Amino acid sequence: MKLTLHKNATTTIAIRQIIKESSLSAFALAKKYGISQTTVARWKNSESVEYKSSRPNNLNITLTPEQEDRICFKRK
């Protein structure tokens, strides 16, 4: 499996999992991994350690029925 992180990512999924399961303080973990305490707190309190896209799930585009028909026709 190819792991792709955005260019500003400071942690990997493995590090996030270690942070989530660790009993060390946020300060100690931040110093250990060279990240901010805010980042440590975010991953300690998150439900999942997986990377989430920042792209919106629903695109705010409204098409008229005529435009929808044209798109469907073009795709076929």
PDB file of N, CA and C in Angstrom:
ATOM      1  N   MET A   1       0.842  -1.176   0.000  1.00  0.00           N
ATOM      2  CA  MET A   1       0.000   0.000   0.000  1.00  0.00           C
ATOM      3  C   MET A   1       0.889   1.241   0.000  1.00  0.00           C
ATOM      4  N   LYS A   2       0.628   2.138  -0.899  1.00  0.00           N
ATOM      5  CA  LYS A   2       1.404   3.368  -0.997  1.00  0.00           C
ATOM      6  C   LYS A   2       0.825   4.413  -0.045  1.00  0.00           C
ATOM      7  N   LEU A   3       1.678   4.965   0.795  1.00  0.00           N
ATOM      8  CA  LEU A   3       1.266   5.972   1.757  1.00  0.00           C
ATOM      9  C   LEU A   3       1.571   7.344   1.193  1.00  0.00           C
ATOM     10  N   THR A   4       0.558   8.167   1.039  1.00  0.00           N
ATOM     11  CA  THR A   4       0.771   9.522   0.556  1.00  0.00           C
ATOM     12  C   THR A   4       0.261  10.505   1.604  1.00  0.00           C
ATOM     13  N   LEU A   5       1.124  11.386   1.999  1.00  0.00           N
ATOM     14  CA  LEU A   5       0.773  12.430   2.957  1.00  0.00           C
ATOM     15  C   LEU A   5       0.896  13.774   2.279  1.00  0.00           C
ATOM     16  N   HIS A   6       0.129  14.739   2.748  1.00  0.00           N
ATOM     17  CA  HIS A   6       0.260  16.068   2.168  1.00  0.00           C
ATOM     18  C   HIS A   6       1.611  16.656   2.562  1.00  0.00           C
ATOM     19  N   LYS A   7       2.052  17.667   1.868  1.00  0.00           N
ATOM     20  CA  LYS A   7       3.421  18.164   2.014  1.00  0.00           C
ATOM     21  C   LYS A   7       3.728  18.759   3.383  1.00  0.00           C
ATOM     22  N   ASN A   8       2.723  19.134   4.153  1.00  0.00           N
ATOM     23  CA  ASN A   8       2.962  19.708   5.473  1.00  0.00           C
ATOM     24  C   ASN A   8       2.727  18.716   6.608  1.00  0.00           C
ATOM     25  N   ALA A   9       2.512  17.452   6.291  1.00  0.00           N
ATOM     26  CA  ALA A   9       2.249  16.445   7.322  1.00  0.00           C
ATOM     27  C   ALA A   9       3.489  16.258   8.191  1.00  0.00           C
ATOM     28  N   THR A  10       3.291  16.232   9.504  1.00  0.00           N
ATOM     29  CA  THR A  10       4.412  16.058  10.423  1.00  0.00           C
ATOM     30  C   THR A  10       4.401  14.690  11.078  1.00  0.00           C
ATOM     31  N   THR A  11       3.347  13.924  10.911  1.00  0.00           N
ATOM     32  CA  THR A  11       3.252  12.606  11.519  1.00  0.00           C
ATOM     33  C   THR A  11       2.770  11.584  10.500  1.00  0.00           C
ATOM     34  N   THR A  12       3.132  10.339  10.751  1.00  0.00           N
ATOM     35  CA  THR A  12       2.625   9.239   9.939  1.00  0.00           C
ATOM     36  C   THR A  12       1.544   8.522  10.741  1.00  0.00           C
ATOM     37  N   ILE A  13       0.884   7.587  10.103  1.00  0.00           N
ATOM     38  CA  ILE A  13      -0.172   6.844  10.793  1.00  0.00           C
ATOM     39  C   ILE A  13       0.410   6.067  11.969  1.00  0.00           C
ATOM     40  N   ALA A  14       1.606   5.509  11.814  1.00  0.00           N
ATOM     41  CA  ALA A  14       2.241   4.756  12.902  1.00  0.00           C
ATOM     42  C   ALA A  14       2.520   5.653  14.111  1.00  0.00           C
ATOM     43  N   ILE A  15       3.044   6.847  13.857  1.00  0.00           N
ATOM     44  CA  ILE A  15       3.321   7.778  14.958  1.00  0.00           C
ATOM     45  C   ILE A  15       2.021   8.224  15.616  1.00  0.00           C
ATOM     46  N   ARG A  16       1.001   8.461  14.817  1.00  0.00           N
ATOM     47  CA  ARG A  16      -0.304   8.868  15.377  1.00  0.00           C
ATOM     48  C   ARG A  16      -0.862   7.797  16.291  1.00  0.00           C
ATOM     49  N   GLN A  17      -0.704   6.524  15.900  1.00  0.00           N
ATOM     50  CA  GLN A  17      -1.190   5.409  16.715  1.00  0.00           C
ATOM     51  C   GLN A  17      -0.419   5.341  18.031  1.00  0.00           C
ATOM     52  N   ILE A  18       0.889   5.536  17.978  1.00  0.00           N
ATOM     53  CA  ILE A  18       1.718   5.542  19.187  1.00  0.00           C
ATOM     54  C   ILE A  18       1.285   6.674  20.110  1.00  0.00           C
ATOM     55  N   ILE A  19       1.057   7.853  19.538  1.00  0.00           N
ATOM     56  CA  ILE A  19       0.619   9.012  20.325  1.00  0.00           C
ATOM     57  C   ILE A  19      -0.715   8.720  20.988  1.00  0.00           C
ATOM     58  N   LYS A  20      -1.644   8.149  20.251  1.00  0.00           N
ATOM     59  CA  LYS A  20      -2.989   7.869  20.768  1.00  0.00           C
ATOM     60  C   LYS A  20      -2.946   6.887  21.941  1.00  0.00           C
ATOM     61  N   GLU A  21      -2.066   5.887  21.860  1.00  0.00           N
ATOM     62  CA  GLU A  21      -2.007   4.840  22.884  1.00  0.00           C
ATOM     63  C   GLU A  21      -1.067   5.180  24.040  1.00  0.00           C
ATOM     64  N   SER A  22      -0.271   6.226  23.906  1.00  0.00           N
ATOM     65  CA  SER A  22       0.730   6.566  24.907  1.00  0.00           C
ATOM     66  C   SER A  22       0.109   7.194  26.154  1.00  0.00           C
ATOM     67  N   SER A  23       0.762   6.930  27.283  1.00  0.00           N
ATOM     68  CA  SER A  23       0.322   7.546  28.538  1.00  0.00           C
ATOM     69  C   SER A  23       1.198   8.745  28.903  1.00  0.00           C
ATOM     70  N   LEU A  24       2.179   9.062  28.069  1.00  0.00           N
ATOM     71  CA  LEU A  24       3.032  10.226  28.304  1.00  0.00           C
ATOM     72  C   LEU A  24       2.241  11.516  28.122  1.00  0.00           C
ATOM     73  N   SER A  25       2.762  12.593  28.671  1.00  0.00           N
ATOM     74  CA  SER A  25       2.095  13.890  28.536  1.00  0.00           C
ATOM     75  C   SER A  25       2.257  14.420  27.121  1.00  0.00           C
ATOM     76  N   ALA A  26       1.426  15.392  26.781  1.00  0.00           N
ATOM     77  CA  ALA A  26       1.490  16.015  25.462  1.00  0.00           C
ATOM     78  C   ALA A  26       2.842  16.694  25.276  1.00  0.00           C
ATOM     79  N   PHE A  27       3.363  17.310  26.321  1.00  0.00           N
ATOM     80  CA  PHE A  27       4.656  17.976  26.237  1.00  0.00           C
ATOM     81  C   PHE A  27       5.771  16.978  25.923  1.00  0.00           C
ATOM     82  N   ALA A  28       5.782  15.835  26.632  1.00  0.00           N
ATOM     83  CA  ALA A  28       6.823  14.817  26.431  1.00  0.00           C
ATOM     84  C   ALA A  28       6.755  14.227  25.019  1.00  0.00           C
ATOM     85  N   LEU A  29       5.552  13.941  24.540  1.00  0.00           N
ATOM     86  CA  LEU A  29       5.397  13.383  23.195  1.00  0.00           C
ATOM     87  C   LEU A  29       5.788  14.404  22.128  1.00  0.00           C
ATOM     88  N   ALA A  30       5.429  15.662  22.344  1.00  0.00           N
ATOM     89  CA  ALA A  30       5.774  16.716  21.386  1.00  0.00           C
ATOM     90  C   ALA A  30       7.292  16.854  21.280  1.00  0.00           C
ATOM     91  N   LYS A  31       7.955  16.809  22.396  1.00  0.00           N
ATOM     92  CA  LYS A  31       9.410  16.921  22.395  1.00  0.00           C
ATOM     93  C   LYS A  31      10.045  15.686  21.748  1.00  0.00           C
ATOM     94  N   LYS A  32       9.507  14.505  22.022  1.00  0.00           N
ATOM     95  CA  LYS A  32      10.052  13.255  21.489  1.00  0.00           C
ATOM     96  C   LYS A  32       9.973  13.201  19.963  1.00  0.00           C
ATOM     97  N   TYR A  33       8.848  13.630  19.400  1.00  0.00           N
ATOM     98  CA  TYR A  33       8.630  13.525  17.957  1.00  0.00           C
ATOM     99  C   TYR A  33       8.864  14.830  17.196  1.00  0.00           C
ATOM    100  N   GLY A  34       9.200  15.891  17.905  1.00  0.00           N
ATOM    101  CA  GLY A  34       9.491  17.165  17.252  1.00  0.00           C
ATOM    102  C   GLY A  34       8.274  17.817  16.625  1.00  0.00           C
ATOM    103  N   ILE A  35       7.136  17.693  17.291  1.00  0.00           N
ATOM    104  CA  ILE A  35       5.883  18.297  16.812  1.00  0.00           C
ATOM    105  C   ILE A  35       5.312  19.169  17.916  1.00  0.00           C
ATOM    106  N   SER A  36       4.259  19.906  17.598  1.00  0.00           N
ATOM    107  CA  SER A  36       3.676  20.802  18.595  1.00  0.00           C
ATOM    108  C   SER A  36       2.764  20.038  19.552  1.00  0.00           C
ATOM    109  N   GLN A  37       2.550  20.639  20.716  1.00  0.00           N
ATOM    110  CA  GLN A  37       1.639  20.036  21.694  1.00  0.00           C
ATOM    111  C   GLN A  37       0.214  20.005  21.163  1.00  0.00           C
ATOM    112  N   THR A  38      -0.126  20.970  20.318  1.00  0.00           N
ATOM    113  CA  THR A  38      -1.455  21.008  19.705  1.00  0.00           C
ATOM    114  C   THR A  38      -1.669  19.788  18.821  1.00  0.00           C
ATOM    115  N   THR A  39      -0.642  19.420  18.058  1.00  0.00           N
ATOM    116  CA  THR A  39      -0.735  18.247  17.190  1.00  0.00           C
ATOM    117  C   THR A  39      -0.895  16.987  18.023  1.00  0.00           C
ATOM    118  N   VAL A  40      -0.141  16.882  19.103  1.00  0.00           N
ATOM    119  CA  VAL A  40      -0.250  15.715  19.986  1.00  0.00           C
ATOM    120  C   VAL A  40      -1.659  15.634  20.566  1.00  0.00           C
ATOM    121  N   ALA A  41      -2.176  16.755  21.050  1.00  0.00           N
ATOM    122  CA  ALA A  41      -3.515  16.771  21.639  1.00  0.00           C
ATOM    123  C   ALA A  41      -4.565  16.372  20.614  1.00  0.00           C
ATOM    124  N   ARG A  42      -4.397  16.836  19.382  1.00  0.00           N
ATOM    125  CA  ARG A  42      -5.348  16.502  18.318  1.00  0.00           C
ATOM    126  C   ARG A  42      -5.407  14.994  18.100  1.00  0.00           C
ATOM    127  N   TRP A  43      -4.249  14.345  18.029  1.00  0.00           N
ATOM    128  CA  TRP A  43      -4.226  12.906  17.750  1.00  0.00           C
ATOM    129  C   TRP A  43      -4.592  12.080  18.972  1.00  0.00           C
ATOM    130  N   LYS A  44      -4.328  12.575  20.176  1.00  0.00           N
ATOM    131  CA  LYS A  44      -4.739  11.850  21.382  1.00  0.00           C
ATOM    132  C   LYS A  44      -6.262  11.814  21.500  1.00  0.00           C
ATOM    133  N   ASN A  45      -6.915  12.890  21.092  1.00  0.00           N
ATOM    134  CA  ASN A  45      -8.364  12.998  21.249  1.00  0.00           C
ATOM    135  C   ASN A  45      -9.155  12.600  20.010  1.00  0.00           C
ATOM    136  N   SER A  46      -8.489  12.238  18.941  1.00  0.00           N
ATOM    137  CA  SER A  46      -9.210  11.911  17.711  1.00  0.00           C
ATOM    138  C   SER A  46      -9.764  10.495  17.762  1.00  0.00           C
ATOM    139  N   GLU A  47     -10.812  10.256  16.989  1.00  0.00           N
ATOM    140  CA  GLU A  47     -11.426   8.930  16.914  1.00  0.00           C
ATOM    141  C   GLU A  47     -10.599   7.999  16.044  1.00  0.00           C
ATOM    142  N   SER A  48     -10.020   8.531  14.989  1.00  0.00           N
ATOM    143  CA  SER A  48      -9.274   7.727  14.034  1.00  0.00           C
ATOM    144  C   SER A  48      -7.909   8.356  13.780  1.00  0.00           C
ATOM    145  N   VAL A  49      -6.927   7.506  13.464  1.00  0.00           N
ATOM    146  CA  VAL A  49      -5.592   8.021  13.154  1.00  0.00           C
ATOM    147  C   VAL A  49      -5.366   8.099  11.652  1.00  0.00           C
ATOM    148  N   GLU A  50      -6.368   7.762  10.880  1.00  0.00           N
ATOM    149  CA  GLU A  50      -6.264   7.799   9.423  1.00  0.00           C
ATOM    150  C   GLU A  50      -6.268   9.238   8.928  1.00  0.00           C
ATOM    151  N   TYR A  51      -5.624   9.445   7.794  1.00  0.00           N
ATOM    152  CA  TYR A  51      -5.595  10.751   7.161  1.00  0.00           C
ATOM    153  C   TYR A  51      -6.955  11.046   6.547  1.00  0.00           C
ATOM    154  N   LYS A  52      -7.475  12.223   6.794  1.00  0.00           N
ATOM    155  CA  LYS A  52      -8.755  12.635   6.216  1.00  0.00           C
ATOM    156  C   LYS A  52      -8.516  13.729   5.191  1.00  0.00           C
ATOM    157  N   SER A  53      -9.199  13.629   4.104  1.00  0.00           N
ATOM    158  CA  SER A  53      -9.085  14.647   3.068  1.00  0.00           C
ATOM    159  C   SER A  53      -9.743  15.934   3.537  1.00  0.00           C
ATOM    160  N   SER A  54      -9.182  17.042   3.137  1.00  0.00           N
ATOM    161  CA  SER A  54      -9.783  18.327   3.492  1.00  0.00           C
ATOM    162  C   SER A  54     -10.759  18.800   2.424  1.00  0.00           C
ATOM    163  N   ARG A  55     -10.886  18.020   1.356  1.00  0.00           N
ATOM    164  CA  ARG A  55     -11.824  18.353   0.290  1.00  0.00           C
ATOM    165  C   ARG A  55     -13.258  18.166   0.795  1.00  0.00           C
ATOM    166  N   PRO A  56     -14.158  19.056   0.488  1.00  0.00           N
ATOM    167  CA  PRO A  56     -15.537  18.907   0.958  1.00  0.00           C
ATOM    168  C   PRO A  56     -16.191  17.666   0.359  1.00  0.00           C
ATOM    169  N   ASN A  57     -17.035  17.022   1.152  1.00  0.00           N
ATOM    170  CA  ASN A  57     -17.736  15.835   0.676  1.00  0.00           C
ATOM    171  C   ASN A  57     -18.798  16.179  -0.354  1.00  0.00           C
ATOM    172  N   ASN A  58     -19.458  17.284  -0.158  1.00  0.00           N
ATOM    173  CA  ASN A  58     -20.504  17.724  -1.073  1.00  0.00           C
ATOM    174  C   ASN A  58     -20.032  18.968  -1.797  1.00  0.00           C
ATOM    175  N   LEU A  59     -19.983  18.887  -3.097  1.00  0.00           N
ATOM    176  CA  LEU A  59     -19.606  20.058  -3.867  1.00  0.00           C
ATOM    177  C   LEU A  59     -20.820  20.949  -4.059  1.00  0.00           C
ATOM    178  N   ASN A  60     -20.642  22.224  -3.879  1.00  0.00           N
ATOM    179  CA  ASN A  60     -21.749  23.163  -3.968  1.00  0.00           C
ATOM    180  C   ASN A  60     -21.952  23.616  -5.413  1.00  0.00           C
ATOM    181  N   ILE A  61     -22.481  22.712  -6.218  1.00  0.00           N
ATOM    182  CA  ILE A  61     -22.750  23.005  -7.616  1.00  0.00           C
ATOM    183  C   ILE A  61     -24.214  22.682  -7.893  1.00  0.00           C
ATOM    184  N   THR A  62     -24.899  23.607  -8.491  1.00  0.00           N
ATOM    185  CA  THR A  62     -26.285  23.392  -8.850  1.00  0.00           C
ATOM    186  C   THR A  62     -26.401  23.425 -10.368  1.00  0.00           C
ATOM    187  N   LEU A  63     -26.926  22.346 -10.900  1.00  0.00           N
ATOM    188  CA  LEU A  63     -27.113  22.259 -12.346  1.00  0.00           C
ATOM    189  C   LEU A  63     -28.598  22.278 -12.665  1.00  0.00           C
ATOM    190  N   THR A  64     -28.916  22.861 -13.774  1.00  0.00           N
ATOM    191  CA  THR A  64     -30.293  22.817 -14.240  1.00  0.00           C
ATOM    192  C   THR A  64     -30.537  21.441 -14.838  1.00  0.00           C
ATOM    193  N   PRO A  65     -31.777  21.008 -14.933  1.00  0.00           N
ATOM    194  CA  PRO A  65     -32.063  19.716 -15.551  1.00  0.00           C
ATOM    195  C   PRO A  65     -31.510  19.607 -16.975  1.00  0.00           C
ATOM    196  N   GLU A  66     -31.514  20.717 -17.689  1.00  0.00           N
ATOM    197  CA  GLU A  66     -30.974  20.731 -19.046  1.00  0.00           C
ATOM    198  C   GLU A  66     -29.464  20.446 -19.039  1.00  0.00           C
ATOM    199  N   GLN A  67     -28.747  21.062 -18.104  1.00  0.00           N
ATOM    200  CA  GLN A  67     -27.312  20.838 -17.998  1.00  0.00           C
ATOM    201  C   GLN A  67     -27.007  19.389 -17.589  1.00  0.00           C
ATOM    202  N   GLU A  68     -27.812  18.846 -16.680  1.00  0.00           N
ATOM    203  CA  GLU A  68     -27.632  17.457 -16.272  1.00  0.00           C
ATOM    204  C   GLU A  68     -27.808  16.518 -17.460  1.00  0.00           C
ATOM    205  N   ASP A  69     -28.819  16.771 -18.288  1.00  0.00           N
ATOM    206  CA  ASP A  69     -29.068  15.939 -19.467  1.00  0.00           C
ATOM    207  C   ASP A  69     -27.887  16.002 -20.435  1.00  0.00           C
ATOM    208  N   ARG A  70     -27.342  17.178 -20.620  1.00  0.00           N
ATOM    209  CA  ARG A  70     -26.185  17.325 -21.515  1.00  0.00           C
ATOM    210  C   ARG A  70     -24.979  16.539 -21.004  1.00  0.00           C
ATOM    211  N   ILE A  71     -24.749  16.612 -19.708  1.00  0.00           N
ATOM    212  CA  ILE A  71     -23.618  15.895 -19.121  1.00  0.00           C
ATOM    213  C   ILE A  71     -23.804  14.395 -19.256  1.00  0.00           C
ATOM    214  N   CYS A  72     -25.003  13.914 -18.960  1.00  0.00           N
ATOM    215  CA  CYS A  72     -25.286  12.480 -19.088  1.00  0.00           C
ATOM    216  C   CYS A  72     -25.127  12.015 -20.531  1.00  0.00           C
ATOM    217  N   PHE A  73     -25.598  12.808 -21.475  1.00  0.00           N
ATOM    218  CA  PHE A  73     -25.472  12.454 -22.878  1.00  0.00           C
ATOM    219  C   PHE A  73     -24.009  12.396 -23.298  1.00  0.00           C
ATOM    220  N   LYS A  74     -23.229  13.373 -22.832  1.00  0.00           N
ATOM    221  CA  LYS A  74     -21.806  13.436 -23.194  1.00  0.00           C
ATOM    222  C   LYS A  74     -21.039  12.243 -22.618  1.00  0.00           C
ATOM    223  N   ARG A  75     -21.413  11.816 -21.413  1.00  0.00           N
ATOM    224  CA  ARG A  75     -20.733  10.682 -20.773  1.00  0.00           C
ATOM    225  C   ARG A  75     -21.035   9.368 -21.479  1.00  0.00           C
ATOM    226  N   LYS A  76     -22.216   9.257 -22.053  1.00  0.00           N
ATOM    227  CA  LYS A  76     -22.581   8.031 -22.760  1.00  0.00           C
ATOM    228  C   LYS A  76     -21.888   7.981 -24.081  1.00  0.00           C
TER     229      LYS A  76
END
